[in-house]
Protein backbone atom coordinates (compact mmCIF):
# COMPACT_ATOMS: atom_id res chain seq x y z
CA UNK A 1 0.00 0.00 0.00
CA UNK A 2 1.34 3.44 -0.89
CA UNK A 3 0.62 6.63 1.00
CA UNK A 4 -2.14 7.79 -1.38
CA UNK A 5 -4.01 4.54 -0.76
CA UNK A 6 -3.48 4.75 3.00
CA UNK A 7 -4.72 8.35 3.07
CA UNK A 8 -7.84 7.46 1.07
CA UNK A 9 -8.61 4.57 3.41
CA UNK A 10 -8.09 6.73 6.51
CA UNK A 11 -10.29 9.53 5.18
CA UNK A 12 -13.11 7.11 4.45
CA UNK A 13 -12.86 5.77 8.00
CA UNK A 14 -12.90 9.31 9.43
CA UNK A 15 -16.13 10.39 7.78
CA UNK A 16 -15.46 11.11 4.11
CA UNK A 17 -18.56 9.25 2.95
CA UNK A 18 -19.32 11.60 0.03
CA UNK A 19 -16.55 13.35 -1.90
CA UNK A 20 -16.91 15.98 -4.62
CA UNK A 21 -14.18 16.86 -7.04
CA UNK A 22 -12.52 16.99 -10.42
CA UNK A 23 -9.86 14.34 -10.89
CA UNK A 24 -6.42 15.00 -12.36
CA UNK A 25 -3.14 13.17 -12.09
CA UNK A 26 -2.37 14.69 -8.68
CA UNK A 27 -5.51 13.39 -6.93
CA UNK A 28 -6.26 10.34 -9.07
CA UNK A 29 -4.94 7.68 -6.70
CA UNK A 30 -6.28 9.14 -3.45
CA UNK A 31 -9.74 9.59 -5.00
CA UNK A 32 -9.81 5.99 -6.20
CA UNK A 33 -8.70 4.85 -2.75
CA UNK A 34 -11.60 6.78 -1.20
CA UNK A 35 -14.02 5.07 -3.59
CA UNK A 36 -12.48 1.66 -2.92
CA UNK A 37 -13.13 2.20 0.78
CA UNK A 38 -16.81 3.04 0.37
CA UNK A 39 -16.93 6.77 -0.34
CA UNK A 40 -19.30 8.07 -2.98
CA UNK A 41 -17.54 10.28 -5.52
CA UNK A 42 -19.49 13.06 -7.25
CA UNK A 43 -17.60 14.39 -10.27
CA UNK A 44 -18.19 18.07 -10.96
CA UNK A 45 -17.37 19.88 -14.19
CA UNK A 46 -15.31 22.63 -12.55
CA UNK A 47 -13.28 22.66 -9.36
CA UNK A 48 -15.06 25.78 -8.13
CA UNK A 49 -18.35 23.95 -8.43
CA UNK A 50 -16.92 20.92 -6.65
CA UNK A 51 -15.78 22.98 -3.65
CA UNK A 52 -19.15 24.71 -3.38
CA UNK A 53 -21.02 21.41 -3.66
CA UNK A 54 -18.95 20.00 -0.80
CA UNK A 55 -19.58 23.16 1.25
CA UNK A 56 -23.36 22.89 0.76
CA UNK A 57 -23.30 19.15 1.45
CA UNK A 58 -21.63 19.78 4.81
CA UNK A 59 -24.07 22.56 5.74
CA UNK A 60 -27.16 20.50 4.95
CA UNK A 61 -25.99 17.08 6.12
CA UNK A 62 -24.31 18.33 9.29
CA UNK A 63 -21.26 16.20 8.53
CA UNK A 64 -17.81 16.68 7.04
CA UNK A 65 -17.59 18.06 3.51
CA UNK A 66 -14.76 16.76 1.34
CA UNK A 67 -13.48 17.98 -2.03
CA UNK A 68 -10.69 16.32 -4.01
CA UNK A 69 -8.53 18.48 -6.29
CA UNK A 70 -5.53 18.33 -8.60
CA UNK A 71 -2.55 20.46 -7.60
CA UNK A 72 -1.86 23.91 -9.03
CA UNK A 73 -4.69 25.01 -11.34
CA UNK A 74 -7.06 22.42 -9.91
CA UNK A 75 -6.63 24.02 -6.52
CA UNK A 76 -6.68 27.63 -7.71
CA UNK A 77 -9.86 27.01 -9.72
CA UNK A 78 -11.55 26.13 -6.42
CA UNK A 79 -10.34 29.11 -4.37
CA UNK A 80 -13.59 31.13 -4.48
CA UNK A 81 -15.58 28.15 -3.20
CA UNK A 82 -12.94 27.53 -0.53
CA UNK A 83 -13.10 31.18 0.56
CA UNK A 84 -16.89 31.02 0.91
CA UNK A 85 -16.62 27.85 3.01
CA UNK A 86 -13.85 29.29 5.19
CA UNK A 87 -15.76 32.50 5.87
CA UNK A 88 -18.84 30.42 6.70
CA UNK A 89 -16.92 28.18 9.14
CA UNK A 90 -17.93 25.09 7.16
CA UNK A 91 -16.21 21.86 8.26
CA UNK A 92 -14.69 21.20 4.84
CA UNK A 93 -11.62 19.16 4.02
CA UNK A 94 -9.87 20.18 0.79
CA UNK A 95 -7.78 17.21 -0.31
CA UNK A 96 -5.36 18.52 -2.92
CA UNK A 97 -2.32 17.18 -4.67
CA UNK A 98 0.86 19.18 -4.12
CA UNK A 99 4.05 19.52 -6.12
CA UNK A 100 6.96 17.54 -4.69
CA UNK A 101 9.44 19.66 -2.73
CA UNK A 102 12.23 18.78 -5.16
CA UNK A 103 10.23 19.79 -8.27
CA UNK A 104 11.25 23.43 -8.00
CA UNK A 105 10.63 24.13 -11.72
CA UNK A 106 7.22 22.50 -11.95
CA UNK A 107 4.70 24.62 -13.83
CA UNK A 108 2.12 23.49 -11.24
CA UNK A 109 4.05 25.01 -8.34
CA UNK A 110 2.21 27.67 -6.36
CA UNK A 111 2.21 28.22 -2.62
CA UNK A 112 -1.07 26.45 -1.96
CA UNK A 113 -0.74 26.70 1.82
CA UNK A 114 -0.32 30.48 1.61
CA UNK A 115 -3.30 30.81 -0.74
CA UNK A 116 -5.45 28.74 1.62
CA UNK A 117 -4.41 30.79 4.62
CA UNK A 118 -5.06 34.02 2.71
CA UNK A 119 -8.75 33.14 2.28
CA UNK A 120 -9.19 31.93 5.86
CA UNK A 121 -8.62 28.18 5.51
CA UNK A 122 -6.22 26.19 7.70
CA UNK A 123 -3.26 24.73 5.75
CA UNK A 124 -2.19 21.21 6.69
CA UNK A 125 -0.02 18.69 4.86
CA UNK A 126 0.90 15.02 4.81
CA UNK A 127 4.54 15.44 5.80
CA UNK A 128 5.94 11.93 5.42
CA UNK A 129 4.89 8.29 4.98
CA UNK A 130 5.49 7.69 8.68
CA UNK A 131 3.27 10.58 9.82
CA UNK A 132 0.60 10.26 7.10
CA UNK A 133 -2.21 8.86 9.25
CA UNK A 134 -1.55 11.27 12.09
CA UNK A 135 -1.51 14.16 9.60
CA UNK A 136 -4.86 13.06 8.15
CA UNK A 137 -6.42 12.65 11.58
CA UNK A 138 -5.22 16.09 12.65
CA UNK A 139 -6.71 17.74 9.56
CA UNK A 140 -10.06 16.01 10.02
CA UNK A 141 -10.12 16.84 13.72
CA UNK A 142 -9.50 20.53 13.02
CA UNK A 143 -12.23 20.60 10.36
CA UNK A 144 -14.87 18.95 12.55
CA UNK A 145 -13.98 20.03 16.09
CA UNK A 146 -13.16 23.65 15.23
CA UNK A 147 -15.58 23.96 12.30
CA UNK A 148 -12.86 25.12 9.94
CA UNK A 149 -12.12 24.68 6.26
CA UNK A 150 -8.82 22.77 6.07
CA UNK A 151 -6.45 22.21 3.15
CA UNK A 152 -4.77 18.81 3.30
CA UNK A 153 -1.82 18.96 0.89
CA UNK A 154 -0.62 15.65 -0.57
CA UNK A 155 2.89 16.04 -2.09
CA UNK A 156 3.23 13.77 -5.11
CA UNK A 157 6.47 12.17 -3.99
CA UNK A 158 5.01 11.27 -0.60
CA UNK A 159 1.79 9.97 -2.20
CA UNK A 160 3.81 7.51 -4.28
CA UNK A 161 6.00 6.31 -1.40
CA UNK A 162 5.33 3.01 0.28
CA UNK A 163 3.37 3.27 3.50
CA UNK A 164 4.84 1.47 6.52
CA UNK A 165 2.78 -1.30 8.01
CA UNK A 166 0.55 0.69 10.32
CA UNK A 167 -2.55 -1.42 10.82
CA UNK A 168 -2.47 -0.65 14.53
CA UNK A 169 -2.52 3.09 13.79
CA UNK A 170 -5.48 3.05 11.42
CA UNK A 171 -8.64 4.58 12.86
CA UNK A 172 -11.38 1.97 13.32
CA UNK A 173 -14.09 2.00 10.65
CA UNK A 174 -16.84 4.41 11.60
CA UNK A 175 -14.67 6.43 13.98
CA UNK A 176 -15.26 10.17 13.69
CA UNK A 177 -13.28 13.10 15.06
CA UNK A 178 -14.79 14.23 18.34
CA UNK A 179 -16.13 17.74 18.83
CA UNK A 180 -14.64 19.51 21.83
CA UNK A 181 -16.93 20.23 24.81
CA UNK A 182 -19.08 23.28 24.11
CA UNK A 183 -18.17 26.37 26.13
CA UNK A 184 -20.57 27.79 28.69
CA UNK A 185 -20.07 31.23 30.26
CA UNK A 186 -19.21 31.34 33.97
CA UNK A 187 -22.13 31.63 36.41
CA UNK A 188 -21.50 35.33 37.03
CA UNK A 189 -21.86 36.11 33.31
CA UNK A 190 -24.99 33.96 33.06
CA UNK A 191 -26.45 35.86 36.01
CA UNK A 192 -25.73 39.21 34.33
CA UNK A 193 -27.59 38.13 31.19
CA UNK A 194 -30.47 36.91 33.36
CA UNK A 195 -30.48 40.33 35.06
CA UNK A 196 -30.71 42.06 31.69
CA UNK A 197 -33.60 39.84 30.59
CA UNK A 198 -35.45 40.44 33.85
CA UNK A 199 -35.07 44.21 33.44
CA UNK A 200 -36.15 44.28 29.78
CA UNK A 201 -39.69 45.07 28.74
CA UNK A 202 -39.24 44.47 25.00
CA UNK A 203 -36.43 41.97 24.41
CA UNK A 204 -35.50 40.67 20.95
CA UNK A 205 -33.26 37.69 20.18
CA UNK A 206 -31.29 37.61 16.91
CA UNK A 207 -29.91 34.14 16.23
CA UNK A 208 -27.18 33.73 13.65
CA UNK A 209 -25.01 31.08 12.07
CA UNK A 210 -23.61 30.03 15.46
CA UNK A 211 -27.09 29.34 16.83
CA UNK A 212 -27.93 27.31 13.76
CA UNK A 213 -24.73 25.28 14.02
CA UNK A 214 -25.33 24.55 17.71
CA UNK A 215 -28.93 23.40 17.08
CA UNK A 216 -30.15 26.10 19.44
CA UNK A 217 -33.78 26.36 18.29
CA UNK A 218 -35.39 24.60 21.27
CA UNK A 219 -33.33 26.16 24.11
CA UNK A 220 -33.64 29.63 22.53
CA UNK A 221 -37.38 29.22 21.95
CA UNK A 222 -37.84 28.12 25.57
CA UNK A 223 -35.83 31.06 26.89
CA UNK A 224 -37.64 33.53 24.60
CA UNK A 225 -40.97 32.28 25.87
CA UNK A 226 -39.80 32.53 29.48
CA UNK A 227 -38.76 36.19 29.20
CA UNK A 228 -41.17 37.37 26.50
CA UNK A 229 -38.60 37.90 23.74
CA UNK A 230 -39.37 38.01 20.03
CA UNK A 231 -36.96 35.73 18.15
CA UNK A 232 -35.42 36.73 14.82
CA UNK A 233 -32.53 35.39 12.77
CA UNK A 234 -29.82 36.59 10.45
CA UNK A 235 -30.46 35.64 6.83
CA UNK A 236 -28.19 32.61 6.95
CA UNK A 237 -30.14 31.12 9.88
CA UNK A 238 -33.59 31.72 8.40
CA UNK A 239 -36.03 28.99 9.35
CA UNK A 240 -34.59 28.41 12.82
CA UNK A 241 -37.86 29.59 14.43
CA UNK A 242 -40.23 28.49 11.65
CA UNK A 243 -43.72 28.01 13.02
CA UNK A 244 -43.26 30.21 16.10
CA UNK A 245 -46.14 32.75 16.05
CA UNK A 246 -43.93 35.38 17.69
CA UNK A 247 -40.97 34.91 15.32
CA UNK A 248 -39.90 37.98 13.36
CA UNK A 249 -38.23 35.96 10.58
CA UNK A 250 -35.08 37.75 9.34
CA UNK A 251 -33.52 40.85 10.86
CA UNK A 252 -31.69 43.35 8.68
CA UNK A 253 -32.06 44.38 5.06
CA UNK A 254 -34.43 41.48 4.34
CA UNK A 255 -36.70 42.25 7.32
CA UNK A 256 -40.38 42.91 6.71
CA UNK A 257 -41.60 46.39 7.67
CA UNK A 258 -43.31 44.90 10.74
CA UNK A 259 -40.19 43.05 11.85
CA UNK A 260 -37.97 46.10 11.35
CA UNK A 261 -40.36 48.25 13.38
CA UNK A 262 -40.54 45.76 16.25
CA UNK A 263 -36.76 45.29 16.35
CA UNK A 264 -36.27 49.06 16.45
CA UNK A 265 -38.70 49.11 19.40
CA UNK A 266 -36.64 46.66 21.48
CA UNK A 267 -35.01 47.82 24.71
CA UNK A 268 -32.73 44.77 24.75
CA UNK A 269 -31.20 42.91 21.81
CA UNK A 270 -29.35 39.64 22.36
CA UNK A 271 -27.27 38.24 19.52
CA UNK A 272 -26.87 34.47 19.73
CA UNK A 273 -24.00 33.25 17.54
CA UNK A 274 -24.69 36.32 15.44
CA UNK A 275 -22.09 38.91 14.48
CA UNK A 276 -24.59 41.81 14.51
CA UNK A 277 -22.97 43.13 11.35
CA UNK A 278 -24.20 45.84 9.02
CA UNK A 279 -26.42 43.44 7.06
CA UNK A 280 -28.24 42.16 10.15
CA UNK A 281 -28.66 45.54 11.87
CA UNK A 282 -29.01 47.82 8.81
CA UNK A 283 -25.77 49.52 9.74
CA UNK A 284 -27.01 49.83 13.32
CA UNK A 285 -30.27 51.56 12.38
CA UNK A 286 -32.35 48.69 13.81
CA UNK A 287 -30.82 49.14 17.26
CA UNK A 288 -32.59 51.95 19.09
CA UNK A 289 -30.68 54.61 20.96
CA UNK A 290 -30.54 53.50 24.57
CA UNK A 291 -31.22 49.83 23.85
CA UNK A 292 -28.91 47.40 25.62
CA UNK A 293 -26.98 45.00 23.39
CA UNK A 294 -25.74 41.58 24.50
CA UNK A 295 -23.74 39.18 22.34
CA UNK A 296 -23.13 35.47 22.92
CA UNK A 297 -20.51 33.73 20.78
CA UNK A 298 -17.97 30.92 21.04
CA UNK A 299 -15.35 33.20 19.46
CA UNK A 300 -14.18 35.98 21.76
CA UNK A 301 -13.00 37.96 18.74
CA UNK A 302 -16.59 38.24 17.50
CA UNK A 303 -17.80 40.10 20.58
CA UNK A 304 -18.31 43.75 19.72
CA UNK A 305 -16.54 43.37 16.39
CA UNK A 306 -19.32 45.05 14.38
CA UNK A 307 -21.40 46.85 17.00
CA UNK A 308 -20.60 47.93 20.57
CA UNK A 309 -22.04 45.62 23.20
CA UNK A 310 -23.00 46.21 26.81
CA UNK A 311 -22.34 42.58 27.72
CA UNK A 312 -20.36 39.92 25.88
CA UNK A 313 -20.45 36.23 26.81
CA UNK A 314 -18.12 33.55 25.45
CA UNK A 315 -20.30 30.50 25.08
CA UNK A 316 -22.19 28.16 22.82
CA UNK A 317 -25.63 29.54 21.95
CA UNK A 318 -27.61 26.44 22.94
CA UNK A 319 -25.71 25.73 26.15
CA UNK A 320 -25.77 29.37 27.22
CA UNK A 321 -29.52 29.59 26.62
CA UNK A 322 -30.04 26.50 28.78
CA UNK A 323 -27.90 27.98 31.54
CA UNK A 324 -29.82 31.28 31.50
CA UNK A 325 -33.15 29.47 31.53
CA UNK A 326 -32.02 27.49 34.57
CA UNK A 327 -30.99 30.75 36.27
CA UNK A 328 -34.39 32.33 35.58
CA UNK A 329 -36.07 29.15 36.84
CA UNK A 330 -34.12 29.41 40.07
CA UNK A 331 -35.30 32.99 40.44
CA UNK A 332 -38.88 32.07 39.61
CA UNK A 333 -38.91 34.64 36.81
CA UNK A 334 -41.34 34.61 33.92
CA UNK A 335 -42.60 37.57 31.92
CA UNK A 336 -44.76 38.24 28.86
CA UNK A 337 -42.37 41.02 27.74
CA UNK A 338 -42.83 41.81 24.07
CA UNK A 339 -45.29 38.93 23.57
CA UNK A 340 -48.53 40.89 23.74
CA UNK A 341 -51.81 40.14 21.93
CA UNK A 342 -51.23 43.26 19.81
CA UNK A 343 -47.84 42.01 18.63
CA UNK A 344 -49.25 38.55 17.94
CA UNK A 345 -52.04 40.05 15.84
CA UNK A 346 -49.66 42.24 13.90
CA UNK A 347 -47.33 39.35 13.09
CA UNK A 348 -50.27 37.21 12.01
CA UNK A 349 -51.28 39.94 9.57
CA UNK A 350 -47.88 41.29 8.47
CA UNK A 351 -45.23 38.79 9.51
CA UNK A 352 -44.40 37.38 6.05
CA UNK A 353 -43.35 39.21 2.93
CA UNK A 354 -46.28 37.54 1.15
CA UNK A 355 -48.56 39.52 3.48
CA UNK A 356 -47.11 42.91 2.50
CA UNK A 357 -49.21 44.62 -0.23
CA UNK A 358 -47.33 45.78 -3.30
CA UNK A 359 -48.02 47.50 -6.58
CA UNK A 360 -47.05 45.11 -9.32
CA UNK A 361 -44.20 46.29 -11.51
CA UNK A 362 -45.14 46.75 -15.14
CA UNK A 363 -42.96 46.33 -18.21
CA UNK A 364 -40.79 49.26 -19.19
CA UNK A 365 -40.73 50.95 -22.58
CA UNK A 366 -37.63 49.01 -23.56
CA UNK A 367 -39.26 45.61 -23.08
CA UNK A 368 -39.95 45.07 -26.77
CA UNK A 369 -39.28 41.33 -26.51
CA UNK A 370 -42.47 40.64 -24.56
CA UNK A 371 -44.04 41.02 -21.14
CA UNK A 372 -42.05 40.48 -17.95
CA UNK A 373 -43.16 39.09 -14.60
CA UNK A 374 -42.71 40.90 -11.29
CA UNK A 375 -40.19 38.85 -9.22
CA UNK A 376 -42.52 39.09 -6.20
CA UNK A 377 -45.44 37.71 -8.21
CA UNK A 378 -43.20 34.93 -9.53
CA UNK A 379 -41.87 34.02 -6.07
CA UNK A 380 -45.26 34.07 -4.34
CA UNK A 381 -46.76 31.87 -7.06
CA UNK A 382 -43.87 29.40 -6.79
CA UNK A 383 -44.17 29.30 -3.02
CA UNK A 384 -47.76 28.14 -3.34
CA UNK A 385 -46.82 25.42 -5.84
CA UNK A 386 -43.81 23.87 -4.14
CA UNK A 387 -44.04 21.08 -1.57
CA UNK A 388 -43.42 22.20 2.01
CA UNK A 389 -40.40 19.91 2.35
CA UNK A 390 -37.95 21.89 0.28
CA UNK A 391 -34.39 23.18 0.22
CA UNK A 392 -33.81 26.64 -1.23
CA UNK A 393 -30.29 27.49 -2.47
CA UNK A 394 -29.82 31.15 -3.37
CA UNK A 395 -27.10 32.74 -5.48
CA UNK A 396 -26.00 36.36 -5.04
CA UNK A 397 -27.30 39.42 -6.84
CA UNK A 398 -30.05 42.04 -7.00
CA UNK A 399 -32.71 39.31 -7.21
CA UNK A 400 -31.67 37.27 -4.17
CA UNK A 401 -34.06 38.75 -1.61
CA UNK A 402 -37.09 37.46 -3.49
CA UNK A 403 -36.40 33.70 -3.26
CA UNK A 404 -34.67 34.07 0.12
CA UNK A 405 -37.70 35.75 1.73
CA UNK A 406 -40.76 34.94 -0.40
CA UNK A 407 -40.12 31.18 -0.51
CA UNK A 408 -40.91 29.78 2.92
CA UNK A 409 -38.58 27.19 4.43
CA UNK A 410 -39.52 24.51 6.98
CA UNK A 411 -36.40 24.71 9.15
CA UNK A 412 -32.91 26.17 9.42
CA UNK A 413 -31.39 23.47 7.17
CA UNK A 414 -33.68 24.39 4.29
CA UNK A 415 -32.15 27.72 3.23
CA UNK A 416 -28.59 27.41 1.97
CA UNK A 417 -27.36 30.96 1.68
CA UNK A 418 -23.79 31.03 0.37
CA UNK A 419 -23.24 34.76 0.88
CA UNK A 420 -20.27 35.00 3.26
CA UNK A 421 -17.97 35.96 0.36
CA UNK A 422 -20.77 37.46 -1.77
CA UNK A 423 -19.64 35.81 -4.98
CA UNK A 424 -22.12 35.27 -7.76
CA UNK A 425 -22.08 31.95 -9.57
CA UNK A 426 -22.19 29.65 -6.51
CA UNK A 427 -25.94 29.00 -6.39
CA UNK A 428 -26.22 26.12 -8.85
CA UNK A 429 -23.38 24.14 -7.28
CA UNK A 430 -24.81 24.92 -3.83
CA UNK A 431 -28.11 23.41 -4.90
CA UNK A 432 -26.43 20.28 -6.26
CA UNK A 433 -24.54 19.69 -3.01
CA UNK A 434 -27.70 20.27 -0.99
CA UNK A 435 -29.72 17.92 -3.19
CA UNK A 436 -27.13 15.16 -2.76
CA UNK A 437 -27.30 15.66 1.02
CA UNK A 438 -31.12 15.71 1.22
CA UNK A 439 -32.59 13.73 -1.69
CA UNK A 440 -35.86 13.49 0.26
CA UNK A 441 -36.52 17.21 -0.31
CA UNK A 442 -37.16 19.15 -3.49
CA UNK A 443 -34.19 21.47 -4.00
CA UNK A 444 -34.74 24.85 -5.63
CA UNK A 445 -31.78 26.72 -7.11
CA UNK A 446 -32.58 30.43 -7.31
CA UNK A 447 -30.14 32.19 -9.63
CA UNK A 448 -29.68 35.42 -11.52
CA UNK A 449 -28.91 35.14 -15.21
CA UNK A 450 -25.31 36.27 -14.60
CA UNK A 451 -24.66 33.59 -11.99
CA UNK A 452 -26.49 30.97 -14.03
CA UNK A 453 -24.34 31.52 -17.10
CA UNK A 454 -21.19 31.72 -14.98
CA UNK A 455 -21.83 28.21 -13.61
CA UNK A 456 -23.78 26.66 -16.47
CA UNK A 457 -21.38 23.70 -16.90
CA UNK A 458 -22.74 22.17 -13.69
CA UNK A 459 -26.13 21.63 -15.35
CA UNK A 460 -24.50 18.58 -16.90
CA UNK A 461 -23.61 17.36 -13.41
CA UNK A 462 -27.21 17.76 -12.23
CA UNK A 463 -28.52 15.91 -15.30
CA UNK A 464 -25.93 13.13 -14.97
CA UNK A 465 -26.90 12.61 -11.32
CA UNK A 466 -30.59 12.51 -12.21
CA UNK A 467 -31.40 15.26 -9.71
CA UNK A 468 -34.97 16.54 -9.61
CA UNK A 469 -33.68 20.07 -9.24
CA UNK A 470 -35.83 23.13 -9.95
CA UNK A 471 -33.57 25.88 -11.29
CA UNK A 472 -35.31 29.26 -11.31
CA UNK A 473 -33.40 32.00 -13.12
CA UNK A 474 -34.47 35.56 -12.31
CA UNK A 475 -33.46 36.83 -15.74
CA UNK A 476 -33.07 40.61 -16.11
CA UNK A 477 -30.34 40.29 -18.74
CA UNK A 478 -27.90 42.24 -16.61
CA UNK A 479 -25.83 42.38 -13.49
CA UNK A 480 -28.81 44.05 -11.89
CA UNK A 481 -27.13 45.24 -8.71
CA UNK A 482 -24.66 47.32 -10.68
CA UNK A 483 -27.36 48.60 -13.03
CA UNK A 484 -29.46 49.94 -10.16
CA UNK A 485 -26.50 51.20 -8.15
CA UNK A 486 -24.75 53.11 -10.92
CA UNK A 487 -27.60 53.80 -13.35
CA UNK A 488 -29.20 56.67 -11.38
CA UNK A 489 -25.86 58.49 -11.53
CA UNK A 490 -25.95 58.57 -15.31
CA UNK A 491 -23.04 56.16 -15.72
CA UNK A 492 -22.86 54.06 -18.90
CA UNK A 493 -24.19 50.54 -18.34
CA UNK A 494 -22.98 48.75 -21.45
CA UNK A 495 -20.51 46.72 -19.38
CA UNK A 496 -23.22 45.24 -17.15
CA UNK A 497 -26.11 44.66 -19.57
CA UNK A 498 -26.41 41.87 -22.11
CA UNK A 499 -28.57 40.86 -25.07
CA UNK A 500 -31.34 38.34 -24.41
CA UNK A 501 -30.29 34.71 -23.97
CA UNK A 502 -32.65 31.76 -24.34
CA UNK A 503 -31.77 30.04 -21.07
CA UNK A 504 -34.58 27.53 -21.52
CA UNK A 505 -33.03 26.37 -24.79
CA UNK A 506 -29.62 26.16 -23.13
CA UNK A 507 -31.16 24.01 -20.39
CA UNK A 508 -32.75 21.69 -22.93
CA UNK A 509 -29.36 21.35 -24.59
CA UNK A 510 -27.99 19.91 -21.35
CA UNK A 511 -30.94 17.51 -21.07
CA UNK A 512 -33.13 19.51 -18.67
CA UNK A 513 -36.83 20.14 -18.86
CA UNK A 514 -37.35 23.85 -19.41
CA UNK A 515 -39.85 26.68 -19.69
CA UNK A 516 -39.79 30.41 -20.27
CA UNK A 517 -41.99 32.36 -17.86
CA UNK A 518 -43.26 35.85 -18.65
CA UNK A 519 -46.68 35.64 -17.01
CA UNK A 520 -48.12 33.79 -14.04
CA UNK A 521 -49.94 31.48 -16.47
CA UNK A 522 -46.62 30.24 -17.87
CA UNK A 523 -45.96 28.51 -14.54
CA UNK A 524 -48.33 25.73 -15.61
CA UNK A 525 -45.27 24.03 -17.11
CA UNK A 526 -43.66 24.03 -13.67
CA UNK A 527 -46.76 22.48 -12.13
CA UNK A 528 -46.59 19.70 -14.71
CA UNK A 529 -42.93 19.01 -13.87
CA UNK A 530 -43.64 19.07 -10.13
CA UNK A 531 -46.32 16.40 -10.66
CA UNK A 532 -43.52 13.98 -11.55
CA UNK A 533 -41.49 11.97 -12.17
CA UNK A 534 -38.91 14.77 -11.63
CA UNK A 535 -36.13 12.55 -12.94
CA UNK A 536 -34.18 15.44 -14.43
CA UNK A 537 -33.70 19.12 -13.57
CA UNK A 538 -36.06 21.80 -14.81
CA UNK A 539 -34.85 25.25 -15.90
CA UNK A 540 -37.29 28.14 -15.48
CA UNK A 541 -36.11 31.15 -17.46
CA UNK A 542 -38.17 33.81 -15.70
CA UNK A 543 -38.03 37.08 -17.62
CA UNK A 544 -38.44 39.42 -14.66
CA UNK A 545 -39.16 43.14 -14.62
CA UNK A 546 -36.04 45.25 -14.38
CA UNK A 547 -37.04 48.90 -14.03
CA UNK A 548 -36.60 49.04 -10.25
CA UNK A 549 -34.04 47.66 -7.79
CA UNK A 550 -34.90 45.10 -5.13
CA UNK A 551 -36.09 46.69 -1.90
CA UNK A 552 -32.97 45.74 0.05
CA UNK A 553 -30.40 46.90 -2.50
CA UNK A 554 -30.07 50.57 -1.57
CA UNK A 555 -29.40 49.66 2.06
CA UNK A 556 -26.91 46.98 1.07
CA UNK A 557 -24.82 49.27 -1.12
CA UNK A 558 -24.28 51.68 1.75
CA UNK A 559 -21.61 49.19 2.88
CA UNK A 560 -19.57 49.49 -0.35
């Protein structure tokens, strides 16, 4: 057995049950070893797509994501996906070939470790045949226990070397890296948070990625009910409080008018695994003058990083919520707080974007190619057609608020929002990874036309896998965010607008079902596809109105 084979066997034993990638000479042997030891390999058409698929798979499955890459250009092709995963604290293992130390003139030579570190990933390496299994175990442990994206470099000369007989060192089949004990704040800090909750009349909880990762729904919901808090989430944690009649849905630029008003009325805001950044607080405008701000996070560096806090606690969101609930129990404290009949009635009437009246956008004078559908009308109609058990994967762009907020999701695993790096072109691969992780749910890929065309090669992957994927393209024939940001200033827009493209025809060319949607009635083709058998993807080329920006865009661009 050589080192490549030993590494593949060890990775399979440590949790690499599904691996995404593009195979070249540098990762050929380790990938085949993974397959030989029971891993499923999903071949993507581009390394960037492979990395994003593995990222989404890890987010939705709750396990370790693994991507296998060739050295040099194979690795650099994947860097944007790796950066998104690293910024999202996804437990992702990037298994990449590496030029041998002696091959100083190799055209594949780049400093992969430095590139990984530059985008926030942790560089690791298999250093020698003797240390190979320990190196692999360390990389997996860091990825899982610390929720980090880790590069595991496999130098070609070490891959080809014989592996010493190390049967005693091999991890037993089924063994997984253990997650470190979750931190809980000291009793004095817990008591101070309990004091703040007791003193508050209108508390609001904002749960973020950390709360989602720690499965904090139940302990946070119990604590919110005990102290009368209204729970909200950041966009990435949407769905965490689905079904709670007092939930505000998303805080920040995507917030409904009712949610924004109620958050601004809070006298105490507690961020749970939430950075309280400009997106979630509308640059601080949602935090009233005089309101107390508390932040709970496992990372001390996150406390107060984006907004000043009156109290910062280092702790896991779920465990801290349980500790505070126990403290309030010991005090015998319970309060209705912000949970009044008036608030309940308002949220029942205005709590969803579907409930907010709007004047339908009409076609502009330049729409000579035919009518266009309002993206709100499109999204609301789709929401009523789709099964409740769904996964929604959203790309980046002007359009993204419509599917992210108008398509309901059943839980926090059902919205996969790859926006930590704000790259367009990740949505399709995100949807593929999510669909592989949860084949029991219908996966919807919501894309702009720019992101769709940037990633179009992965349609072949979706077809080859037989995924019943609904791909909805909000097609305004432009990079809409730039059009609406720079257009009012009279700047030329030729660089960000494009002639019409028949995306439905492109989809059919890959083997997808397809339809062009200009009116609500055109969605009948989607209803037919939803009825089954859904044995191939469907592309919906939705020609959306383009005269006005999305409601959240002006606020978002204040941060640029």
